[in-house]
Amino acid sequence: MTAYVERVLPGPRIRIGSRTSPMAVAQAEHVRDLLLKLAEDVDVELVGIETSGDRWQGDLAELGGKGAFLKEIDRQLVTDAIDVAVHCVKDVPGDVPMPEGTTFAAYLPREDVRDAVLFPAGSPYRGLDGLPPGARIGTSAVRRKAQILRKRPDLTVDRIRGNVNSRIARFDAEHRFDALVLAYAGLRRIGMEHRAAEVLPLDVMCPPVGAGVIGIECRTADEGIVELLRRLDDRRTRTHVTAERTMLHGLRGHCNSPIAGHCTTTADGRLSLLGMVFSQDGAEFAYAQEWDTPDHAHELGAYVAATLARKGARRLIAG
């Protein structure tokens, strides 16, 4: 593999940048291990970057949305302080363009997209349906809040911020909530999937755009790194993400937009894209589902976005 490394890479070292939360570090370590399998002679260095989104405990909208998790990492990438950036694709906003000269060279195979419900130790409840009226649910996502209230308008849903580990720690220590809703894939990445008492079906909780996908970003000018990362790219995941993010971009969705979207491949090989936009209390929603061939992922995403817009999605987003 040495000859290959010398031919395609600009040097013997690749610097991977990521957030400093335990889940982000686990994701970066996973990418490092995958790269070492492809090029064992390369020195892969992990560079932790604390972002303004990690430091801020208030409303993300006040920092400009989910881009607060990315802008410092992207700045390190474009200034050549790191060579590769690892992101949760669901945290990549749809209304902010990528920095010029960068690309997602690889999307890793998609993990479980469902959300999970956690309960405190000793709780008699094992699912949302069993909670009594007025029970308090903690979540960081407007999308989750809208869908929980759509199903159970008698519950109280409040925001809880922080990375997954800190949210669980606060949930266990503060006793403010009767249940906590988190991404199941995130629990698995930090080895805490045993805390999931209930995994919500997709007809109850439609996932966010890019759910369960790790994206690997680099500079387009680093052709050798682009070529190496392309060997990690999962073609089906890229197609699904393309359709979902085209829909998100078409809706001009931002961090506080209660937008859900999920693309899958049907048994006959066609793409199915489901898009939903909710009012924040879940009382109103716009729904669209369309199908097309895998080579029309962009067109499918744009069509679903246009259909949702005709059904009042932008009014719901603005609200």
Protein backbone atom coordinates (compact mmCIF):
# COMPACT_ATOMS: atom_id res chain seq x y z
CA MET A 1 0.00 0.00 0.00
CA THR A 2 3.02 2.31 0.40
CA ALA A 3 3.29 3.03 -3.32
CA TYR A 4 -0.40 3.91 -3.46
CA VAL A 5 -0.08 6.29 -0.50
CA GLU A 6 2.96 8.02 -2.00
CA ARG A 7 1.14 8.39 -5.33
CA VAL A 8 -2.12 9.92 -4.15
CA LEU A 9 -1.51 11.71 -0.85
CA PRO A 10 0.20 15.08 -0.37
CA GLY A 11 2.09 13.77 2.68
CA PRO A 12 2.37 10.90 5.19
CA ARG A 13 -0.12 12.42 7.63
CA ILE A 14 -3.87 13.08 7.55
CA ARG A 15 -5.34 15.36 10.22
CA ILE A 16 -9.00 14.62 11.05
CA GLY A 17 -10.94 17.42 12.72
CA SER A 18 -14.12 16.90 14.70
CA ARG A 19 -16.08 18.24 17.64
CA THR A 20 -14.83 17.24 21.09
CA SER A 21 -17.97 15.52 22.39
CA PRO A 22 -17.63 11.78 23.12
CA MET A 23 -19.87 10.89 20.17
CA ALA A 24 -17.94 13.14 17.77
CA VAL A 25 -14.66 11.64 18.94
CA ALA A 26 -16.05 8.12 18.46
CA GLN A 27 -17.08 9.05 14.91
CA ALA A 28 -13.65 10.50 14.13
CA GLU A 29 -11.95 7.39 15.53
CA HIS A 30 -14.17 5.25 13.30
CA VAL A 31 -13.11 7.26 10.24
CA ARG A 32 -9.47 6.99 11.32
CA ASP A 33 -9.74 3.20 11.58
CA LEU A 34 -11.33 2.98 8.14
CA LEU A 35 -8.55 5.10 6.62
CA LEU A 36 -5.86 2.99 8.26
CA LYS A 37 -7.38 -0.11 6.66
CA LEU A 38 -6.99 1.55 3.26
CA ALA A 39 -3.55 3.03 3.87
CA GLU A 40 -1.81 1.53 6.88
CA ASP A 41 1.37 3.56 6.32
CA VAL A 42 -0.39 6.88 6.83
CA ASP A 43 -0.18 8.66 10.19
CA VAL A 44 -3.74 9.71 11.05
CA GLU A 45 -4.01 12.43 13.70
CA LEU A 46 -7.26 13.38 15.47
CA VAL A 47 -7.73 17.10 16.10
CA GLY A 48 -10.47 18.05 18.57
CA ILE A 49 -12.18 21.38 17.91
CA GLU A 50 -14.55 22.86 20.47
CA THR A 51 -17.25 24.77 18.62
CA SER A 52 -19.41 27.72 19.65
CA GLY A 53 -22.42 25.39 19.40
CA ASP A 54 -20.86 23.11 22.02
CA ARG A 55 -20.08 25.98 24.38
CA TRP A 56 -23.45 27.70 24.03
CA GLN A 57 -26.30 26.35 26.18
CA GLY A 58 -29.02 28.66 24.89
CA ASP A 59 -31.16 28.55 21.77
CA LEU A 60 -29.05 27.56 18.74
CA ALA A 61 -31.00 30.02 16.60
CA GLU A 62 -29.25 32.84 18.48
CA LEU A 63 -25.91 31.56 17.12
CA GLY A 64 -27.16 31.20 13.56
CA GLY A 65 -28.42 27.62 13.78
CA LYS A 66 -26.72 24.28 13.47
CA GLY A 67 -23.93 25.93 11.50
CA ALA A 68 -22.57 26.81 14.95
CA PHE A 69 -21.39 23.20 15.16
CA LEU A 70 -19.61 23.41 11.81
CA LYS A 71 -18.17 26.86 11.16
CA GLU A 72 -15.09 26.55 13.38
CA ILE A 73 -14.31 23.11 11.95
CA ASP A 74 -14.79 24.34 8.40
CA ARG A 75 -12.54 27.32 9.15
CA GLN A 76 -9.81 24.92 10.24
CA LEU A 77 -10.32 22.97 7.01
CA VAL A 78 -10.12 25.90 4.60
CA THR A 79 -7.06 27.32 6.40
CA ASP A 80 -5.20 24.00 6.13
CA ALA A 81 -5.13 23.37 9.89
CA ILE A 82 -6.83 20.00 9.26
CA ASP A 83 -7.18 17.85 6.15
CA VAL A 84 -10.51 16.12 6.82
CA ALA A 85 -13.63 17.09 8.77
CA VAL A 86 -16.13 14.59 10.18
CA HIS A 87 -19.74 15.71 10.57
CA CYS A 88 -23.15 14.28 11.42
CA VAL A 89 -24.99 15.11 8.21
CA LYS A 90 -28.17 15.92 10.13
CA ASP A 91 -26.26 18.87 11.67
CA VAL A 92 -25.32 20.34 8.27
CA PRO A 93 -27.81 23.19 7.64
CA GLY A 94 -29.72 23.45 4.40
CA ASP A 95 -29.71 27.25 4.20
CA VAL A 96 -25.93 27.80 4.49
CA PRO A 97 -23.65 26.96 1.53
CA MET A 98 -20.57 24.83 2.07
CA PRO A 99 -17.29 26.77 2.16
CA GLU A 100 -15.87 27.32 -1.29
CA GLY A 101 -13.34 24.68 -2.26
CA THR A 102 -14.72 21.93 0.01
CA THR A 103 -16.74 18.80 -0.67
CA PHE A 104 -18.22 15.80 1.09
CA ALA A 105 -15.99 13.19 -0.50
CA ALA A 106 -17.60 10.33 1.40
CA TYR A 107 -20.81 9.41 3.15
CA LEU A 108 -20.47 6.31 5.31
CA PRO A 109 -23.25 3.68 5.14
CA ARG A 110 -26.35 4.95 6.88
CA GLU A 111 -27.06 3.74 10.40
CA ASP A 112 -30.42 3.43 12.17
CA VAL A 113 -32.43 6.62 11.59
CA ARG A 114 -34.98 6.10 14.37
CA ASP A 115 -35.33 8.02 17.63
CA ALA A 116 -35.30 6.36 21.03
CA VAL A 117 -37.07 7.11 24.31
CA LEU A 118 -35.17 6.95 27.61
CA PHE A 119 -36.69 6.82 31.10
CA PRO A 120 -35.17 7.48 34.53
CA ALA A 121 -34.08 4.57 36.69
CA GLY A 122 -37.07 3.08 38.43
CA SER A 123 -39.62 4.62 36.07
CA PRO A 124 -42.78 2.52 35.67
CA TYR A 125 -43.12 3.66 32.05
CA ARG A 126 -41.63 1.97 28.97
CA GLY A 127 -43.08 4.01 26.11
CA LEU A 128 -44.63 7.35 25.15
CA ASP A 129 -48.11 5.81 25.00
CA GLY A 130 -48.01 4.89 28.68
CA LEU A 131 -47.07 8.34 29.99
CA PRO A 132 -49.78 10.19 31.90
CA PRO A 133 -51.12 13.57 30.69
CA GLY A 134 -48.78 16.41 31.58
CA ALA A 135 -45.65 14.25 31.67
CA ARG A 136 -42.50 16.20 30.74
CA ILE A 137 -40.42 15.14 27.74
CA GLY A 138 -36.91 16.48 27.08
CA THR A 139 -35.58 16.95 23.54
CA SER A 140 -33.28 19.34 21.70
CA ALA A 141 -35.13 19.19 18.36
CA VAL A 142 -38.13 21.21 17.22
CA ARG A 143 -38.86 18.36 14.77
CA ARG A 144 -39.21 15.90 17.65
CA LYS A 145 -41.30 18.30 19.73
CA ALA A 146 -43.77 18.79 16.87
CA GLN A 147 -44.19 15.07 16.25
CA ILE A 148 -44.49 14.16 19.93
CA LEU A 149 -47.21 16.77 20.38
CA ARG A 150 -48.90 15.61 17.19
CA LYS A 151 -49.25 12.16 18.77
CA ARG A 152 -49.67 13.26 22.40
CA PRO A 153 -50.81 16.90 22.64
CA ASP A 154 -51.41 16.34 26.37
CA LEU A 155 -47.66 16.02 27.08
CA THR A 156 -45.26 18.86 27.93
CA VAL A 157 -42.13 19.02 25.74
CA ASP A 158 -39.19 21.22 26.81
CA ARG A 159 -35.72 21.82 25.40
CA ILE A 160 -32.63 20.17 26.82
CA ARG A 161 -29.32 21.15 25.19
CA GLY A 162 -25.83 19.68 25.17
CA ASN A 163 -24.13 16.69 23.57
CA VAL A 164 -25.70 13.27 24.01
CA ASN A 165 -23.60 12.32 27.05
CA SER A 166 -24.27 15.60 28.88
CA ARG A 167 -27.99 15.43 28.10
CA ILE A 168 -28.24 11.94 29.57
CA ALA A 169 -26.21 12.99 32.62
CA ARG A 170 -28.46 16.00 33.23
CA PHE A 171 -31.56 13.89 32.65
CA ASP A 172 -30.44 11.39 35.29
CA ALA A 173 -29.27 14.01 37.78
CA GLU A 174 -31.85 16.80 37.57
CA HIS A 175 -35.10 14.79 37.57
CA ARG A 176 -36.80 17.48 35.46
CA PHE A 177 -38.16 15.10 32.84
CA ASP A 178 -40.19 11.92 32.77
CA ALA A 179 -38.62 10.86 29.46
CA LEU A 180 -35.86 11.90 27.07
CA VAL A 181 -35.86 11.47 23.28
CA LEU A 182 -32.54 11.01 21.44
CA ALA A 183 -31.27 9.54 18.18
CA TYR A 184 -30.82 5.78 18.53
CA ALA A 185 -27.71 5.82 16.30
CA GLY A 186 -26.11 8.34 18.64
CA LEU A 187 -26.73 6.09 21.62
CA ARG A 188 -25.13 3.19 19.78
CA ARG A 189 -22.05 5.24 18.84
CA ILE A 190 -21.34 5.96 22.52
CA GLY A 191 -22.21 2.45 23.70
CA MET A 192 -25.42 3.44 25.52
CA GLU A 193 -28.04 1.76 23.37
CA HIS A 194 -29.11 -0.20 26.47
CA ARG A 195 -30.74 3.01 27.73
CA ALA A 196 -33.30 2.93 24.90
CA ALA A 197 -36.55 1.71 26.45
CA GLU A 198 -38.51 2.32 23.25
CA VAL A 199 -37.39 2.83 19.65
CA LEU A 200 -40.02 4.90 17.88
CA PRO A 201 -41.36 3.61 14.53
CA LEU A 202 -40.98 5.88 11.51
CA ASP A 203 -44.72 6.46 11.24
CA VAL A 204 -44.58 8.05 14.70
CA MET A 205 -41.28 9.93 14.38
CA CYS A 206 -40.01 10.79 10.90
CA PRO A 207 -36.24 11.43 11.08
CA PRO A 208 -34.37 14.61 10.15
CA VAL A 209 -32.64 15.02 6.81
CA GLY A 210 -29.31 13.19 6.92
CA ALA A 211 -30.19 11.09 9.98
CA GLY A 212 -27.76 8.30 10.80
CA VAL A 213 -25.14 9.44 8.26
CA ILE A 214 -21.54 10.45 8.90
CA GLY A 215 -20.16 12.77 6.22
CA ILE A 216 -16.43 13.22 5.55
CA GLU A 217 -15.47 16.62 4.16
CA CYS A 218 -12.18 17.71 2.61
CA ARG A 219 -10.72 20.32 0.27
CA THR A 220 -11.42 19.70 -3.41
CA ALA A 221 -7.84 20.71 -4.26
CA ASP A 222 -6.47 17.77 -2.26
CA GLU A 223 -7.10 15.31 -5.06
CA GLY A 224 -5.26 12.47 -3.35
CA ILE A 225 -7.34 12.74 -0.18
CA VAL A 226 -10.51 13.04 -2.26
CA GLU A 227 -9.55 9.85 -4.09
CA LEU A 228 -8.80 8.03 -0.84
CA LEU A 229 -12.05 9.12 0.80
CA ARG A 230 -14.08 8.16 -2.26
CA ARG A 231 -13.15 4.57 -1.46
CA LEU A 232 -15.17 4.92 1.76
CA ASP A 233 -18.21 6.42 0.05
CA ASP A 234 -21.45 4.44 0.14
CA ARG A 235 -23.24 5.00 -3.15
CA ARG A 236 -26.77 4.28 -1.88
CA THR A 237 -26.34 6.57 1.11
CA ARG A 238 -25.06 9.37 -1.14
CA THR A 239 -28.13 9.01 -3.36
CA HIS A 240 -30.49 9.14 -0.39
CA VAL A 241 -28.70 12.13 1.17
CA THR A 242 -28.75 13.95 -2.17
CA ALA A 243 -32.53 13.64 -2.43
CA GLU A 244 -33.10 14.65 1.21
CA ARG A 245 -30.75 17.63 1.19
CA THR A 246 -32.08 18.88 -2.13
CA MET A 247 -35.51 18.91 -0.50
CA LEU A 248 -34.14 20.72 2.56
CA HIS A 249 -32.39 23.32 0.40
CA GLY A 250 -35.54 23.85 -1.63
CA LEU A 251 -37.50 24.55 1.56
CA ARG A 252 -34.75 26.90 2.78
CA GLY A 253 -34.78 25.02 6.05
CA HIS A 254 -32.79 26.35 8.98
CA CYS A 255 -31.90 24.94 12.41
CA ASN A 256 -35.23 25.78 13.99
CA SER A 257 -37.31 24.40 11.12
CA PRO A 258 -39.48 21.41 12.08
CA ILE A 259 -38.62 19.57 8.85
CA ALA A 260 -38.41 15.78 8.54
CA GLY A 261 -37.26 13.86 5.49
CA HIS A 262 -36.38 10.28 4.71
CA CYS A 263 -35.30 8.72 1.43
CA THR A 264 -35.21 4.94 0.93
CA THR A 265 -34.83 2.50 -1.93
CA THR A 266 -37.89 0.36 -2.57
CA ALA A 267 -37.87 -3.36 -3.31
CA ASP A 268 -38.09 -2.65 -7.05
CA GLY A 269 -35.07 -0.31 -6.95
CA ARG A 270 -36.87 3.04 -7.05
CA LEU A 271 -36.27 5.97 -4.72
CA SER A 272 -38.98 6.94 -2.25
CA LEU A 273 -38.71 10.34 -0.58
CA LEU A 274 -40.99 11.31 2.29
CA GLY A 275 -41.02 14.91 3.44
CA MET A 276 -42.92 16.49 6.33
CA VAL A 277 -43.04 20.02 7.75
CA PHE A 278 -44.80 20.74 11.04
CA SER A 279 -46.04 23.65 13.05
CA GLN A 280 -44.11 23.81 16.31
CA ASP A 281 -47.02 22.40 18.30
CA GLY A 282 -47.60 19.61 15.78
CA ALA A 283 -51.21 20.69 15.19
CA GLU A 284 -50.59 21.43 11.51
CA PHE A 285 -48.34 19.69 9.02
CA ALA A 286 -47.59 19.39 5.32
CA TYR A 287 -46.85 15.93 3.91
CA ALA A 288 -45.50 14.72 0.57
CA GLN A 289 -44.14 11.43 -0.72
CA GLU A 290 -42.93 10.83 -4.26
CA TRP A 291 -40.95 8.20 -6.16
CA ASP A 292 -38.35 8.29 -8.95
CA THR A 293 -35.32 6.43 -10.26
CA PRO A 294 -31.96 6.58 -8.43
CA ASP A 295 -30.39 8.74 -11.16
CA HIS A 296 -32.99 11.45 -10.46
CA ALA A 297 -32.26 12.07 -6.77
CA HIS A 298 -31.87 15.83 -7.28
CA GLU A 299 -35.10 16.04 -9.25
CA LEU A 300 -36.97 13.99 -6.66
CA GLY A 301 -35.81 16.23 -3.82
CA ALA A 302 -36.75 19.38 -5.71
CA TYR A 303 -40.18 17.98 -6.60
CA VAL A 304 -40.99 17.02 -3.01
CA ALA A 305 -39.86 20.45 -1.80
CA ALA A 306 -42.11 22.14 -4.37
CA THR A 307 -45.04 19.92 -3.38
CA LEU A 308 -44.57 20.75 0.30
CA ALA A 309 -44.31 24.46 -0.53
CA ARG A 310 -47.63 24.29 -2.39
CA LYS A 311 -49.15 22.71 0.73
CA GLY A 312 -48.06 25.60 2.95
CA ALA A 313 -44.68 24.36 4.20
CA ARG A 314 -43.02 27.77 4.07
CA ARG A 315 -45.80 29.29 6.17
CA LEU A 316 -45.22 26.58 8.78
CA ILE A 317 -41.46 27.13 8.68
CA ALA A 318 -41.87 30.89 9.07
CA GLY A 319 -44.19 30.31 12.02
